[in-house]
Amino acid sequence: ERCVPTSWTCVDVMSGSGRNEAPGVYHERLELCAVHALNNVLQERIFTQEAADEICKKLAPDARWNPHRSFLGTGNYDVNVIMAALQSVGLEAIWWDKRRPLEQLSLEGVLGFIINIPSNVCLGFLSLPVRRRHWIAVRQLDGTYYNLDSKLKGLAPIGGESDLRVFLQEILSQGPCELLLVVPRESSEAGNWLSTVR
């Protein structure tokens, strides 16, 4: 069972990658979930599989088998690749401590979110008893937060700030999920993604 809420409605998008029918929202789809999550949170195609593989080589230059990516080439890159990719464009990934209440999250200092969730492996219509990790992006555009999961046929509007907090709480409470805040480097240093509200 996935830990992504299924109650959110989706907006249809064109097949493949690129712009969709919701004006101004970029939503890449298909198999390279880490690359798509990066591009979806940044709202443009900046990273490719080749760029992610190059980051892997820099992270483990002498490794015979690179520990930062799937040996199957399916886009299962680890958090180190996500963090290095974001740093290359002047952003930082801040790990959200799930013991901290979401009321302490200051959304003003956050560009978007990248979330790591467990995902079932399927062969056609058959779901296998195997799980792997899956990256999804969440981004606010024109006052609405969107779930930009590359497995969705369309982007899923979440709503406003209170809806986002409910969405994040639902994800974090359902299993081994990890939440990364994507913030500008100056926000990371200033710590303004964290509210002093108790």
Protein backbone atom coordinates (compact mmCIF):
# COMPACT_ATOMS: atom_id res chain seq x y z
CA GLU A 1 0.00 0.00 0.00
CA ARG A 2 1.46 3.35 -0.99
CA CYS A 3 1.69 6.17 1.50
CA VAL A 4 0.45 8.77 -0.96
CA PRO A 5 -3.10 9.95 -0.27
CA THR A 6 -5.45 8.70 -2.96
CA SER A 7 -8.25 11.16 -2.30
CA TRP A 8 -6.72 14.01 -4.28
CA THR A 9 -8.25 14.59 -7.72
CA CYS A 10 -6.02 14.78 -10.78
CA VAL A 11 -5.88 17.14 -13.74
CA ASP A 12 -5.28 15.40 -17.07
CA VAL A 13 -1.91 15.98 -18.73
CA MET A 14 -0.42 15.08 -22.08
CA SER A 15 1.37 11.74 -22.20
CA GLY A 16 5.12 11.75 -21.65
CA SER A 17 7.03 14.68 -20.21
CA GLY A 18 6.47 18.39 -20.30
CA ARG A 19 3.84 21.05 -19.86
CA ASN A 20 0.31 20.05 -19.06
CA GLU A 21 -3.19 21.50 -19.39
CA ALA A 22 -3.01 23.43 -16.10
CA PRO A 23 -1.44 26.70 -17.26
CA GLY A 24 2.15 27.17 -16.18
CA VAL A 25 2.61 23.83 -14.34
CA TYR A 26 5.45 21.58 -15.52
CA HIS A 27 4.96 17.85 -14.86
CA GLU A 28 7.37 15.17 -16.07
CA ARG A 29 6.22 11.56 -15.98
CA LEU A 30 7.38 7.97 -16.38
CA GLU A 31 10.28 5.95 -14.93
CA LEU A 32 13.18 8.17 -13.77
CA CYS A 33 11.47 9.31 -10.58
CA ALA A 34 14.43 11.10 -8.96
CA VAL A 35 15.18 13.07 -12.14
CA HIS A 36 11.48 13.85 -12.65
CA ALA A 37 11.07 14.91 -9.00
CA LEU A 38 14.00 17.32 -9.37
CA ASN A 39 12.67 18.82 -12.61
CA ASN A 40 9.10 18.97 -11.30
CA VAL A 41 10.09 20.81 -8.13
CA LEU A 42 12.24 23.20 -10.23
CA GLN A 43 9.47 23.53 -12.83
CA GLU A 44 11.75 23.01 -15.83
CA ARG A 45 13.87 20.30 -17.43
CA ILE A 46 17.28 20.89 -15.90
CA PHE A 47 18.40 17.35 -15.08
CA THR A 48 18.61 14.24 -17.27
CA GLN A 49 19.54 10.64 -16.55
CA GLU A 50 23.01 11.39 -17.92
CA ALA A 51 23.41 14.33 -15.52
CA ALA A 52 22.29 12.19 -12.57
CA ASP A 53 24.71 9.42 -13.60
CA GLU A 54 27.52 11.99 -13.76
CA ILE A 55 26.70 13.11 -10.21
CA CYS A 56 26.86 9.44 -9.14
CA LYS A 57 30.34 9.14 -10.67
CA LYS A 58 31.52 12.25 -8.80
CA LEU A 59 30.11 10.92 -5.52
CA ALA A 60 31.85 7.53 -5.91
CA PRO A 61 34.59 7.96 -8.53
CA ASP A 62 36.45 4.74 -7.75
CA ALA A 63 33.47 2.44 -7.21
CA ARG A 64 33.07 -0.57 -9.48
CA TRP A 65 29.34 -0.66 -8.64
CA ASN A 66 27.98 2.79 -7.85
CA PRO A 67 26.05 2.78 -4.55
CA HIS A 68 24.12 5.95 -5.42
CA ARG A 69 21.98 4.50 -8.24
CA SER A 70 20.09 1.39 -9.20
CA PHE A 71 22.20 -1.08 -11.17
CA LEU A 72 19.06 -1.64 -13.30
CA GLY A 73 19.13 1.98 -14.51
CA THR A 74 15.52 2.58 -13.43
CA GLY A 75 16.01 6.00 -11.85
CA ASN A 76 16.40 4.81 -8.27
CA TYR A 77 18.98 7.39 -7.24
CA ASP A 78 19.66 7.95 -3.56
CA VAL A 79 19.30 11.11 -1.48
CA ASN A 80 22.95 12.07 -2.05
CA VAL A 81 22.24 12.54 -5.76
CA ILE A 82 19.16 14.64 -5.00
CA MET A 83 21.15 16.83 -2.60
CA ALA A 84 24.12 17.28 -4.97
CA ALA A 85 21.82 18.10 -7.88
CA LEU A 86 20.02 20.78 -5.87
CA GLN A 87 23.32 22.23 -4.63
CA SER A 88 24.47 22.57 -8.25
CA VAL A 89 21.63 25.06 -8.86
CA GLY A 90 22.04 27.03 -5.62
CA LEU A 91 19.46 25.15 -3.55
CA GLU A 92 19.63 22.94 -0.49
CA ALA A 93 17.68 19.89 0.64
CA ILE A 94 16.76 20.01 4.33
CA TRP A 95 15.69 16.74 5.93
CA TRP A 96 12.49 17.25 7.95
CA ASP A 97 12.65 15.58 11.35
CA LYS A 98 9.29 13.77 11.65
CA ARG A 99 9.35 14.17 15.42
CA ARG A 100 8.88 17.90 14.85
CA PRO A 101 5.24 19.10 14.44
CA LEU A 102 4.40 20.39 10.95
CA GLU A 103 3.15 23.61 12.57
CA GLN A 104 6.85 24.50 12.91
CA LEU A 105 7.31 24.36 9.14
CA SER A 106 7.55 27.90 7.74
CA LEU A 107 6.32 27.64 4.16
CA GLU A 108 7.58 31.11 3.20
CA GLY A 109 11.17 29.89 3.15
CA VAL A 110 10.44 26.71 1.12
CA LEU A 111 10.52 26.45 -2.68
CA GLY A 112 9.03 22.94 -2.72
CA PHE A 113 9.28 19.42 -1.35
CA ILE A 114 10.78 16.13 -2.48
CA ILE A 115 9.35 13.11 -0.70
CA ASN A 116 10.65 9.55 -0.64
CA ILE A 117 7.94 6.91 -0.27
CA PRO A 118 7.69 3.12 -0.57
CA SER A 119 6.15 1.96 -3.84
CA ASN A 120 4.89 -1.41 -5.05
CA VAL A 121 6.59 -3.04 -8.02
CA CYS A 122 4.14 -4.04 -10.78
CA LEU A 123 4.38 -6.16 -13.90
CA GLY A 124 1.45 -5.03 -16.00
CA PHE A 125 -1.63 -5.45 -13.81
CA LEU A 126 0.17 -7.79 -11.39
CA SER A 127 1.48 -6.23 -8.17
CA LEU A 128 4.56 -8.06 -6.85
CA PRO A 129 5.26 -8.50 -3.10
CA VAL A 130 8.35 -6.31 -3.54
CA ARG A 131 8.70 -2.66 -2.65
CA ARG A 132 11.17 -0.05 -3.77
CA ARG A 133 11.65 3.62 -2.97
CA HIS A 134 9.98 6.33 -5.07
CA TRP A 135 10.63 10.09 -5.22
CA ILE A 136 7.81 12.60 -5.69
CA ALA A 137 7.75 16.40 -5.86
CA VAL A 138 5.31 18.89 -4.35
CA ARG A 139 5.35 22.51 -5.45
CA GLN A 140 3.21 25.60 -4.94
CA LEU A 141 2.22 27.55 -8.05
CA ASP A 142 -0.18 30.52 -8.11
CA GLY A 143 -1.34 29.81 -4.56
CA THR A 144 -2.06 26.09 -5.07
CA TYR A 145 0.16 23.22 -3.99
CA TYR A 146 0.40 20.31 -6.44
CA ASN A 147 1.44 16.68 -6.04
CA LEU A 148 3.72 16.25 -9.07
CA ASP A 149 4.29 12.49 -8.71
CA SER A 150 5.74 11.19 -11.99
CA LYS A 151 3.60 8.02 -11.63
CA LEU A 152 0.38 10.02 -11.83
CA LYS A 153 -1.26 10.45 -15.23
CA GLY A 154 -1.88 14.05 -14.24
CA LEU A 155 -0.83 16.46 -11.58
CA ALA A 156 -2.92 16.40 -8.42
CA PRO A 157 -3.94 19.73 -6.86
CA ILE A 158 -3.55 19.58 -3.09
CA GLY A 159 -4.88 23.04 -2.22
CA GLY A 160 -3.67 25.81 0.06
CA GLU A 161 -1.32 25.81 3.06
CA SER A 162 -3.63 24.00 5.46
CA ASP A 163 -4.37 21.34 2.82
CA LEU A 164 -0.63 20.90 2.27
CA ARG A 165 -0.01 20.33 5.98
CA VAL A 166 -2.77 17.68 6.04
CA PHE A 167 -1.27 16.05 2.92
CA LEU A 168 2.24 15.98 4.42
CA GLN A 169 0.98 14.70 7.78
CA GLU A 170 -0.92 11.89 6.06
CA ILE A 171 2.19 10.84 4.13
CA LEU A 172 4.51 11.02 7.13
CA SER A 173 2.15 9.06 9.37
CA GLN A 174 1.70 6.11 7.00
CA GLY A 175 5.09 4.49 6.92
CA PRO A 176 8.78 4.84 6.16
CA CYS A 177 8.56 8.09 4.22
CA GLU A 178 11.12 10.89 4.23
CA LEU A 179 10.46 14.58 3.59
CA LEU A 180 13.03 16.95 2.11
CA LEU A 181 12.45 20.70 2.04
CA VAL A 182 13.88 22.37 -1.06
CA VAL A 183 15.09 25.82 -0.04
CA PRO A 184 17.38 28.52 -1.44
CA ARG A 185 20.87 28.35 0.06
CA GLU A 186 20.36 31.62 1.95
CA SER A 187 17.15 30.23 3.53
CA SER A 188 19.04 27.13 4.61
CA GLU A 189 21.74 29.20 6.29
CA ALA A 190 19.23 31.56 7.94
CA GLY A 191 16.99 28.69 9.05
CA ASN A 192 13.86 30.63 8.04
CA TRP A 193 12.13 27.41 6.95
CA LEU A 194 11.58 26.70 10.63
CA SER A 195 9.00 28.64 12.60
CA THR A 196 9.44 29.42 16.28
CA VAL A 197 5.77 28.54 16.87
CA ARG A 198 5.46 25.73 19.44
